Protein backbone atom coordinates (compact mmCIF):
# COMPACT_ATOMS: atom_id res chain seq x y z
CA MET A 1 65.66 62.39 107.58
CA THR A 2 68.17 60.39 109.80
CA ASN A 3 70.11 61.59 113.20
CA SER A 4 73.56 60.97 110.85
CA LEU A 5 72.31 64.05 108.37
CA LEU A 6 71.85 66.40 110.95
CA GLN A 7 74.72 68.29 112.49
CA HIS A 8 75.14 71.26 115.14
CA ILE A 9 77.72 73.89 113.89
CA LYS A 10 79.36 75.50 116.92
CA GLU A 11 79.04 78.95 116.98
CA PRO A 12 81.94 81.17 115.50
CA ARG A 13 83.74 83.08 117.80
CA LEU A 14 84.93 86.57 117.23
CA GLY A 15 88.90 88.34 118.20
CA PHE A 16 89.10 90.99 119.88
CA ARG A 17 91.53 93.15 121.48
CA TYR A 18 94.82 91.21 123.57
CA GLY A 19 93.77 87.78 121.29
CA GLN A 20 90.73 87.34 123.10
CA GLU A 21 87.63 85.41 121.57
CA LEU A 22 84.18 85.42 122.44
CA GLU A 23 80.90 85.14 120.96
CA HIS A 24 78.99 87.86 120.54
CA PRO A 25 80.51 91.58 119.23
CA LYS A 26 78.97 93.65 122.67
CA ASP A 27 80.65 91.14 124.63
CA GLY A 28 84.17 91.68 122.95
CA LEU A 29 83.81 95.06 122.45
CA PHE A 30 82.79 95.87 126.31
CA LEU A 31 85.50 93.67 127.55
CA PHE A 32 88.39 93.72 125.49
CA GLY A 33 88.33 96.89 122.81
CA PRO A 34 88.37 96.70 119.25
CA LEU A 35 91.30 94.69 117.69
CA ASP A 36 94.55 96.34 118.25
CA ASP A 37 95.24 97.84 114.78
CA ARG A 38 97.43 100.74 113.37
CA ALA A 39 94.53 102.12 111.32
CA ASN A 40 92.21 102.68 114.43
CA PRO A 41 91.78 106.14 114.58
CA ALA A 42 92.74 108.22 117.89
CA GLU A 43 90.05 110.22 117.26
CA MET A 44 87.11 110.47 115.09
CA ARG A 45 87.39 112.90 111.87
CA ILE A 46 83.94 113.90 111.31
CA GLY A 47 82.20 115.83 109.22
CA VAL A 48 78.66 116.74 109.51
CA ILE A 49 75.80 118.07 107.16
CA GLY A 50 72.03 118.46 107.25
CA THR A 51 69.65 121.13 107.73
CA PRO A 52 70.32 123.86 111.12
CA ASP A 53 68.08 121.10 112.63
CA GLY A 54 69.58 118.34 111.58
CA LEU A 55 72.90 119.16 112.47
CA ASN A 56 71.21 120.45 116.22
CA CYS A 57 70.48 116.35 116.32
CA PHE A 58 73.63 115.25 115.33
CA ARG A 59 75.15 117.74 117.77
CA GLU A 60 72.65 115.96 120.81
CA TRP A 61 73.06 113.03 119.93
CA GLY A 62 77.31 113.11 119.76
CA LYS A 63 76.98 114.10 123.20
CA SER A 64 74.64 111.10 124.27
CA ILE A 65 76.82 108.80 123.06
CA GLN A 66 80.22 109.85 125.13
CA SER A 67 78.76 108.12 128.62
CA TYR A 68 76.59 105.37 130.16
CA ILE A 69 72.98 104.71 128.21
CA PRO A 70 71.24 102.31 129.72
CA PRO A 71 69.73 99.30 128.39
CA GLY A 72 66.50 99.00 126.47
CA GLU A 73 65.13 96.46 128.72
CA LEU A 74 66.67 95.31 131.61
CA ASP A 75 65.69 91.72 131.35
CA LYS A 76 66.52 90.72 128.27
CA PRO A 77 70.08 89.60 127.43
CA HIS A 78 70.36 90.40 124.07
CA HIS A 79 69.63 94.48 125.27
CA ALA A 80 72.98 95.79 126.61
CA SER A 81 73.73 99.27 127.42
CA TRP A 82 76.17 101.68 125.75
CA PRO A 83 79.23 102.49 127.99
CA GLY A 84 80.12 105.51 125.69
CA PHE A 85 82.07 105.80 122.70
CA GLN A 86 85.75 106.05 123.85
CA ALA A 87 85.05 102.99 126.68
CA VAL A 88 83.93 100.85 123.96
CA PHE A 89 86.28 102.11 121.17
CA GLY A 90 89.11 103.53 122.81
CA THR A 91 88.93 106.27 120.01
CA ARG A 92 88.09 109.78 121.14
CA TRP A 93 84.78 111.29 120.15
CA PRO A 94 85.51 114.84 119.28
CA GLU A 95 83.03 117.96 121.39
CA GLU A 96 82.80 119.28 118.22
CA PRO A 97 82.65 117.36 114.51
CA LEU A 98 85.68 118.43 112.28
CA VAL A 99 83.64 120.19 110.04
CA GLU A 100 79.79 121.28 109.80
CA LEU A 101 78.01 121.89 106.88
CA PRO A 102 74.51 123.43 106.55
CA VAL A 103 71.73 122.66 104.21
CA GLN A 104 68.62 125.64 103.84
CA GLU A 105 65.23 123.44 104.63
CA LYS A 106 63.33 125.62 102.62
CA GLU A 107 65.49 124.45 98.92
CA VAL A 108 65.52 121.10 100.75
CA ARG A 109 61.45 121.40 101.19
CA ASP A 110 60.91 123.20 97.65
CA SER A 111 63.66 120.84 95.56
CA LEU A 112 61.84 117.57 96.72
CA ARG A 113 58.11 118.93 95.45
CA ILE A 114 59.14 119.43 92.14
CA SER A 115 56.53 117.16 90.06
CA ASP A 116 58.92 115.57 87.76
CA ARG A 117 60.84 113.18 90.36
CA TYR A 118 63.91 112.88 88.81
CA GLU A 119 64.44 116.27 88.90
CA ALA A 120 63.56 116.39 92.22
CA VAL A 121 65.40 113.50 93.88
CA TYR A 122 68.37 114.81 91.69
CA LYS A 123 68.47 118.43 92.79
CA THR A 124 67.70 117.26 96.40
CA VAL A 125 70.97 115.24 96.27
CA GLU A 126 72.25 118.02 95.16
CA LEU A 127 72.43 120.20 97.65
CA PHE A 128 73.79 117.90 100.05
CA VAL A 129 76.65 117.02 97.23
CA GLU A 130 78.19 120.16 95.90
CA PRO A 131 79.00 121.13 99.60
CA ILE A 132 80.78 118.34 100.42
CA ARG A 133 82.46 118.35 96.84
CA ARG A 134 83.31 122.59 97.44
CA HIS A 135 84.89 121.37 101.01
CA LEU A 136 86.82 118.40 99.74
CA ARG A 137 88.31 120.79 96.68
CA GLN A 138 89.54 123.34 99.37
CA GLU A 139 90.70 121.07 102.10
CA GLU A 140 93.74 119.17 102.29
CA ALA A 141 92.62 117.04 105.33
CA PRO A 142 89.24 116.02 105.03
CA PRO A 143 87.12 114.00 107.24
CA ALA A 144 87.12 110.24 107.90
CA VAL A 145 83.48 109.98 107.65
CA TRP A 146 80.47 111.85 106.88
CA PHE A 147 77.39 112.03 108.99
CA VAL A 148 74.53 113.00 106.25
CA VAL A 149 71.50 114.00 108.23
CA ILE A 150 68.78 114.25 106.96
CA PRO A 151 64.72 115.36 107.51
CA GLU A 152 61.81 112.77 107.31
CA GLU A 153 60.63 113.69 104.48
CA VAL A 154 63.83 113.45 102.34
CA HIS A 155 63.35 109.48 103.67
CA ARG A 156 60.09 110.12 102.52
CA TYR A 157 60.17 111.50 99.07
CA GLY A 158 63.67 110.36 98.16
CA ARG A 159 62.63 107.10 97.03
CA PRO A 160 61.10 105.29 94.45
CA LYS A 161 57.64 105.05 94.55
CA SER A 162 56.96 108.57 96.47
CA SER A 163 54.52 110.83 95.42
CA VAL A 164 54.08 114.45 96.55
CA PRO A 165 50.61 115.45 97.21
CA LYS A 166 49.26 117.47 94.00
CA GLU A 167 48.78 120.84 96.20
CA GLU A 168 52.41 120.60 96.75
CA ARG A 169 53.94 120.25 93.59
CA ILE A 170 56.42 122.90 91.92
CA LYS A 171 56.83 122.90 88.79
CA GLY A 172 60.77 122.33 87.50
CA LYS A 173 62.92 123.03 84.70
CA GLN A 174 62.86 119.63 82.94
CA PHE A 175 61.02 119.77 79.57
CA LEU A 176 61.16 116.05 78.56
CA THR A 177 59.12 113.02 80.36
CA ALA A 178 61.09 109.92 81.68
CA LYS A 179 59.92 107.74 79.06
CA SER A 180 61.34 110.45 76.17
CA GLY A 181 64.08 111.30 77.93
CA ARG A 182 65.32 107.54 77.94
CA GLU A 183 64.42 107.44 74.32
CA ILE A 184 67.38 110.03 73.84
CA LEU A 185 69.70 108.16 76.03
CA ARG A 186 69.29 105.23 73.64
CA GLU A 187 68.80 106.94 70.51
CA GLY A 188 70.55 110.07 70.52
CA SER A 189 69.11 114.15 69.03
CA LEU A 190 70.42 116.13 67.12
CA PHE A 191 69.23 119.15 69.83
CA PRO A 192 71.92 119.62 72.61
CA GLU A 193 69.42 120.89 75.24
CA ASP A 194 67.70 117.44 74.75
CA ARG A 195 70.82 115.23 75.25
CA GLU A 196 71.95 117.60 78.11
CA ALA A 197 68.11 117.52 79.65
CA ALA A 198 68.10 113.73 79.07
CA GLU A 199 71.34 112.70 81.58
CA ILE A 200 68.95 113.14 84.78
CA TYR A 201 67.44 109.81 83.61
CA ARG A 202 70.52 108.29 84.22
CA TYR A 203 70.15 108.76 88.09
CA GLU A 204 68.06 106.67 90.59
CA LEU A 205 65.32 107.70 92.00
CA ASN A 206 66.51 107.27 95.56
CA PHE A 207 68.41 109.93 97.18
CA HIS A 208 70.46 107.11 99.41
CA HIS A 209 71.97 105.20 96.49
CA GLN A 210 72.23 108.35 94.10
CA MET A 211 74.23 110.51 96.74
CA LYS A 212 76.88 107.66 97.84
CA ALA A 213 76.70 106.84 94.12
CA ARG A 214 77.76 110.30 92.92
CA LEU A 215 80.16 110.73 95.65
CA LEU A 216 82.32 107.71 94.46
CA ASP A 217 84.58 109.81 92.71
CA GLN A 218 85.68 111.52 95.93
CA LYS A 219 86.48 108.74 97.62
CA ALA A 220 84.05 110.04 100.52
CA VAL A 221 82.81 107.98 103.28
CA LEU A 222 78.93 108.29 103.80
CA GLN A 223 76.61 107.28 106.78
CA ILE A 224 73.14 108.76 105.92
CA VAL A 225 71.34 108.81 108.61
CA ARG A 226 67.40 110.63 109.64
CA GLU A 227 67.11 113.26 112.05
CA THR A 228 64.38 110.86 113.74
CA THR A 229 66.91 107.96 114.28
CA LEU A 230 69.21 110.75 116.21
CA THR A 231 66.75 112.47 118.74
CA PRO A 232 63.11 110.23 118.40
CA HIS A 233 62.20 112.62 121.55
CA LYS A 234 61.82 115.36 119.56
CA PHE A 235 59.31 114.08 116.72
CA VAL A 236 56.31 113.00 118.79
CA GLN A 237 52.46 112.76 117.64
CA ASN A 238 49.52 112.72 119.91
CA ASN A 239 52.17 111.84 122.72
CA ARG A 240 54.09 109.09 120.84
CA PRO A 241 57.24 109.36 118.63
CA ILE A 242 56.46 108.98 115.27
CA ARG A 243 58.47 106.26 114.61
CA ASN A 244 58.90 103.03 116.11
CA LEU A 245 63.03 102.65 116.83
CA GLN A 246 65.47 100.42 118.54
CA ASP A 247 66.78 101.55 122.15
CA PRO A 248 69.24 104.20 122.15
CA ALA A 249 71.36 102.02 123.43
CA THR A 250 70.92 99.84 120.46
CA VAL A 251 71.06 102.71 117.51
CA ALA A 252 74.38 103.91 119.61
CA TRP A 253 75.86 100.69 119.43
CA ASN A 254 75.30 100.34 115.43
CA LEU A 255 75.52 103.36 114.60
CA CYS A 256 78.85 103.98 116.41
CA THR A 257 80.03 100.50 115.14
CA THR A 258 79.54 101.79 111.65
CA ALA A 259 80.84 105.14 112.43
CA PHE A 260 84.28 103.32 113.59
CA PHE A 261 84.12 101.02 110.87
CA LYS A 262 84.07 103.62 108.26
CA ALA A 263 86.81 105.43 109.88
CA SER A 264 88.97 102.85 108.78
CA GLY A 265 89.15 101.29 112.45
CA LYS A 266 88.94 97.22 113.06
CA PRO A 267 85.66 96.49 115.00
CA TRP A 268 86.68 92.85 115.31
CA LYS A 269 87.33 89.75 113.02
CA LEU A 270 87.09 85.73 112.54
CA ALA A 271 88.76 84.29 115.43
CA ALA A 272 89.54 80.88 113.72
CA VAL A 273 89.79 81.30 110.05
CA ARG A 274 91.75 79.03 107.79
CA PRO A 275 94.87 81.31 106.55
CA GLY A 276 94.91 82.31 102.97
CA VAL A 277 91.07 82.10 102.60
CA CYS A 278 89.47 84.49 100.74
CA TYR A 279 85.73 85.19 99.81
CA VAL A 280 83.76 86.57 96.76
CA GLY A 281 80.33 87.66 96.37
CA LEU A 282 79.17 88.21 93.30
CA VAL A 283 76.49 90.45 92.53
CA TYR A 284 74.22 91.32 89.06
CA LYS A 285 71.86 94.74 88.52
CA GLN A 286 69.98 96.23 85.75
CA ASP A 287 72.58 99.22 85.22
CA HIS A 288 69.66 101.93 84.10
CA THR A 289 72.44 104.46 83.77
CA ASP A 290 73.50 102.82 80.33
CA PRO A 291 71.57 103.65 77.59
CA ALA A 292 71.64 100.36 76.24
CA ALA A 293 68.23 99.08 77.05
CA GLY A 294 68.48 95.42 78.53
CA ASN A 295 72.21 96.01 80.16
CA ALA A 296 73.24 95.09 83.61
CA CYS A 297 76.13 95.55 86.06
CA CYS A 298 78.01 93.12 87.28
CA GLY A 299 80.21 93.87 90.70
CA ALA A 300 82.50 91.44 92.99
CA GLN A 301 82.86 91.81 96.54
CA MET A 302 86.20 90.82 98.24
CA PHE A 303 85.88 89.77 102.00
CA LEU A 304 88.61 88.82 104.38
CA ASP A 305 88.77 87.45 108.02
CA SER A 306 88.97 90.95 109.18
CA GLY A 307 85.76 91.69 107.75
CA ASP A 308 87.68 94.01 105.68
CA GLY A 309 86.02 94.42 102.06
CA VAL A 310 86.83 95.70 98.79
CA VAL A 311 84.22 96.54 96.14
CA PHE A 312 85.24 95.80 92.07
CA ARG A 313 83.05 97.06 89.38
CA GLY A 314 82.55 95.04 86.65
CA ALA A 315 81.93 95.43 83.16
CA VAL A 316 77.89 96.57 81.69
CA GLY A 317 76.89 94.11 79.23
CA PRO A 318 73.74 92.35 78.40
CA TRP A 319 74.34 89.51 81.04
CA TYR A 320 70.68 88.53 81.39
CA SER A 321 69.36 85.54 79.74
CA GLU A 322 65.70 85.86 79.16
CA GLU A 323 65.55 82.37 78.52
CA LEU A 324 66.92 81.09 82.00
CA LYS A 325 66.01 84.55 84.04
CA GLU A 326 69.56 84.46 85.54
CA TYR A 327 72.22 86.70 84.80
CA HIS A 328 75.82 85.54 83.67
CA LEU A 329 79.36 86.52 82.20
CA ASN A 330 80.64 85.58 79.59
CA LYS A 331 84.27 84.17 79.64
CA GLU A 332 86.10 86.92 78.62
CA LYS A 333 84.19 89.58 81.41
CA ALA A 334 84.43 86.95 84.04
CA SER A 335 88.15 86.54 83.87
CA GLU A 336 88.79 90.46 83.85
CA LEU A 337 86.66 90.02 86.74
CA MET A 338 88.30 87.53 88.65
CA ASN A 339 91.69 89.03 87.94
CA LEU A 340 90.74 91.99 89.86
CA VAL A 341 90.09 89.99 93.09
CA VAL A 342 93.19 88.02 92.94
CA GLU A 343 95.63 91.24 92.37
CA ALA A 344 93.98 92.80 94.94
CA TYR A 345 94.18 90.17 97.41
CA ARG A 346 97.97 89.90 96.18
CA ASP A 347 98.66 93.23 96.65
CA LEU A 348 97.14 92.68 100.15
CA HIS A 349 99.32 89.59 101.21
CA GLY A 350 101.99 89.36 99.09
CA LYS A 351 101.10 85.87 97.42
CA PRO A 352 97.60 84.41 95.92
CA PRO A 353 95.08 83.13 98.02
CA ALA A 354 95.18 79.48 99.05
CA GLU A 355 91.32 79.02 99.21
CA LEU A 356 88.85 81.24 96.92
CA PHE A 357 85.63 80.78 97.38
CA ILE A 358 82.83 82.50 95.16
CA HIS A 359 79.19 82.90 96.67
CA GLY A 360 76.14 83.54 94.31
CA LYS A 361 73.02 83.16 94.32
CA THR A 362 72.78 81.12 90.64
CA ARG A 363 74.66 78.32 89.70
CA PHE A 364 77.81 80.00 87.70
CA ASN A 365 77.84 78.22 83.86
CA ASP A 366 80.31 76.89 81.86
CA ASP A 367 81.41 79.98 80.30
CA GLU A 368 82.09 81.98 83.65
CA TRP A 369 83.80 78.84 85.23
CA GLU A 370 86.21 78.73 82.58
CA GLY A 371 87.09 83.07 82.97
CA PHE A 372 87.49 82.63 86.86
CA LYS A 373 89.62 79.49 86.01
CA SER A 374 92.11 81.03 84.03
CA VAL A 375 93.04 83.77 85.77
CA VAL A 376 93.08 81.72 89.29
CA PRO A 377 96.43 80.27 90.22
CA ASN A 378 96.66 76.54 89.98
CA GLU A 379 97.70 76.59 93.67
CA THR A 380 94.38 78.19 94.64
CA ASN A 381 91.82 75.72 95.70
CA LEU A 382 88.79 77.48 93.69
CA VAL A 383 84.83 76.83 94.63
CA GLY A 384 82.07 77.99 92.92
CA VAL A 385 79.33 78.06 95.68
CA ARG A 386 75.23 78.69 95.20
CA ILE A 387 73.58 80.37 98.53
CA ARG A 388 70.15 81.09 98.45
CA PRO A 389 67.28 81.16 101.07
CA THR A 390 64.55 78.48 100.81
CA SER A 391 61.58 77.54 102.61
CA GLU A 392 61.24 74.25 100.88
CA LEU A 393 62.47 72.28 104.15
CA LYS A 394 60.89 72.95 107.84
CA LEU A 395 62.87 71.38 110.83
CA TYR A 396 61.01 71.87 114.35
CA ARG A 397 62.10 70.48 117.85
CA PRO A 398 59.80 70.23 121.00
CA GLY A 399 59.50 73.10 123.09
CA LYS A 400 58.31 76.97 122.73
CA MET A 401 61.68 77.66 120.64
CA PRO A 402 62.99 77.35 117.47
CA VAL A 403 65.70 74.62 116.09
CA LEU A 404 69.45 75.98 117.22
CA ARG A 405 70.78 78.51 115.35
CA GLY A 406 74.18 76.62 113.70
CA SER A 407 71.85 73.61 113.00
CA ALA A 408 72.30 72.01 109.33
CA TYR A 409 70.88 68.84 107.52
CA LEU A 410 73.39 67.68 105.03
CA PRO A 411 71.71 64.89 102.70
CA THR A 412 74.16 64.97 100.16
CA GLU A 413 78.03 65.96 100.09
CA TRP A 414 77.72 68.21 97.52
CA THR A 415 74.13 69.87 99.26
CA GLY A 416 72.93 71.15 102.49
CA TYR A 417 70.55 73.60 104.36
CA LEU A 418 71.84 75.44 107.61
CA TRP A 419 69.70 77.54 109.56
CA THR A 420 71.82 81.08 110.28
CA LYS A 421 68.62 81.78 112.37
CA GLY A 422 67.22 80.30 115.24
CA PHE A 423 67.41 80.19 119.11
CA ILE A 424 70.80 81.59 120.72
CA PRO A 425 71.93 80.34 123.67
CA ARG A 426 73.83 83.61 124.14
CA LEU A 427 71.19 85.88 123.95
CA ASN A 428 68.47 82.90 125.14
CA THR A 429 66.27 84.05 122.84
CA TYR A 430 65.12 83.61 119.12
CA PRO A 431 65.47 87.12 117.70
CA GLY A 432 62.61 86.65 115.00
CA TRP A 433 59.24 86.30 115.01
CA GLU A 434 58.17 83.50 112.44
CA VAL A 435 59.56 79.56 112.26
CA PRO A 436 63.01 80.37 110.89
CA ASN A 437 63.56 79.42 107.08
CA PRO A 438 67.71 77.49 106.20
CA LEU A 439 69.63 78.61 103.53
CA LEU A 440 70.15 76.11 100.85
CA ILE A 441 74.01 75.66 100.49
CA GLN A 442 75.11 73.77 96.99
CA ILE A 443 78.61 73.34 96.10
CA HIS A 444 78.23 73.27 92.51
CA ARG A 445 81.99 73.93 91.27
CA GLY A 446 85.40 72.89 92.88
CA GLU A 447 85.69 70.44 95.51
CA ALA A 448 85.28 71.21 99.14
CA ASP A 449 84.16 69.87 102.61
CA LEU A 450 80.61 71.41 102.57
CA LEU A 451 80.24 71.35 106.69
CA ARG A 452 83.28 73.29 106.31
CA VAL A 453 81.85 75.40 103.90
CA MET A 454 78.95 76.07 105.86
CA THR A 455 81.32 76.59 108.97
CA ASP A 456 82.81 79.24 107.01
CA VAL A 457 78.81 81.03 105.70
CA MET A 458 78.49 80.83 109.94
CA GLY A 459 81.00 82.71 110.59
CA LEU A 460 80.61 85.09 107.55
CA THR A 461 77.00 86.15 109.23
CA LYS A 462 78.95 87.37 112.11
CA ILE A 463 81.05 90.22 110.23
CA ASN A 464 78.68 93.17 109.40
CA PHE A 465 79.90 96.04 110.67
CA ASN A 466 76.75 98.31 109.88
CA THR A 467 75.49 97.15 113.39
CA CYS A 468 76.86 95.58 115.92
CA GLN A 469 74.38 92.50 116.70
CA PHE A 470 75.13 88.79 117.39
CA ALA A 471 74.87 87.67 113.87
CA ASP A 472 72.87 87.70 110.73
CA GLY A 473 71.04 85.49 108.66
CA GLN A 474 73.13 85.72 105.32
CA PRO A 475 76.83 85.94 105.10
CA VAL A 476 78.26 88.97 104.52
CA THR A 477 79.23 88.00 101.06
CA LEU A 478 75.46 88.04 100.11
CA LYS A 479 74.12 90.00 102.46
CA PHE A 480 75.18 93.61 100.86
CA ALA A 481 74.96 92.31 97.43
CA ASP A 482 72.08 94.46 96.30
CA ALA A 483 72.73 97.32 98.75
CA VAL A 484 76.37 97.26 96.81
CA GLY A 485 74.37 96.81 93.13
CA GLU A 486 72.25 99.36 94.30
CA ILE A 487 75.37 102.34 94.62
CA LEU A 488 77.00 100.81 91.53
CA THR A 489 73.92 101.41 89.29
CA ALA A 490 72.10 104.46 91.35
CA ALA A 491 74.32 107.12 88.95
CA PRO A 492 76.72 106.90 85.77
CA VAL A 493 79.84 106.07 87.92
CA PRO A 494 82.98 106.78 86.18
CA ASP A 495 85.72 104.06 86.20
CA LEU A 496 87.35 103.85 89.46
CA PRO A 497 89.89 101.55 91.30
CA PRO A 498 88.76 99.00 93.63
CA LEU A 499 87.09 100.93 96.48
CA PRO A 500 86.91 99.57 100.40
CA PHE A 501 83.70 98.27 101.13
CA ARG A 502 83.34 100.72 104.03
CA HIS A 503 81.97 103.65 100.75
CA TYR A 504 79.15 101.30 99.66
CA ILE A 505 77.18 100.49 103.01
């Protein structure tokens, strides 16, 4: 390894109000505020659903974020005080939510303890979904974002590998087993009651994913949060909180940023992005909601410099190769999916993108690439980039601190290693525990400058509006790929138009 192969990519800057630029989103929001955009709400239109205790937790937390919250540790640069919601975003946080929908705690507790886990999770989700659906049918001005406040036991028992103690289990109405239900979904049945009972096994055993998936058709934007996150001081055992949480100021920064974004606000954008550039992340997920065994769903996420994202649900089909252990679309479906992306970009900007980078965890095969190219205009530079974490190469430097974030090793003009984790001078620390591993970045289709691609990837680690941290380890094109795939396959989702990214995170 020679020094000429080592580079350092300068930390990307973010844009805020008044055209100001800074590295850290908290600095920019505190000093200048979010982007000046017509989509920014004047006041947060919030709906809340939860048990009576959950609603009380949200009211208490809602009052706390309207004013100053001190930092968790005064002497740590990566800890910041919370100035108050309106002071940060220039948007009013209401004294009371627009809508409060109560869910009975006993009904939640009983549904979670149904012995058939598919029935248990489905019915628990139904307790939260149906009141929201009913409200949306009756009201013409719905909330912009719904806070779904869940008791701790929903988190504990509403996940795939959760198990309720035998002595607490309740017999439900389901008369099929998961195995027999899936057989009926694949092969059919002469009995309509069997077919109806089998439908429940098309839903994933995950409260969070299933809830979001079942409200996609309503275009409802959700923020699912645990009661213990909002008011940890109320959940103490042996004089200690039952969960190890971030300090209240950090929780406020993270939850309020995502709430502002989900309400159509524009917190920040990348400051130095080439005009006309578009990034797409591809995701594949086994689709257990489809009766055909072995089918997978392909989705695409399109991101712009502002962090705005649109999710496209591609076709479900036999995309997995047992031989290669990889997912690949055929030419026709690759063409259809990429056409959705190009047309959505054209609708937003009036013209196709000048550069279109497709990020994936595996290489695109010939059929896929021909399908993509067939619908991308000639004036668009189409580039396929493979990005995956790797531990095959370590980089060290003298002293106690690890390699600088932004360090890059470029052994060839097409392949390089980028450290998106590492020591951050602005924070004067490395926010991690182990020696950081790099991302392996390979340009394997099309032509582009590798250092520029790496610079773009660095920027894409800074537009995760689900938190308000300095940067992520992965670009947003891949950071939420698995999460989006989980939502797309958590329930039988009908054909939907492309939806903004905020519906999925």
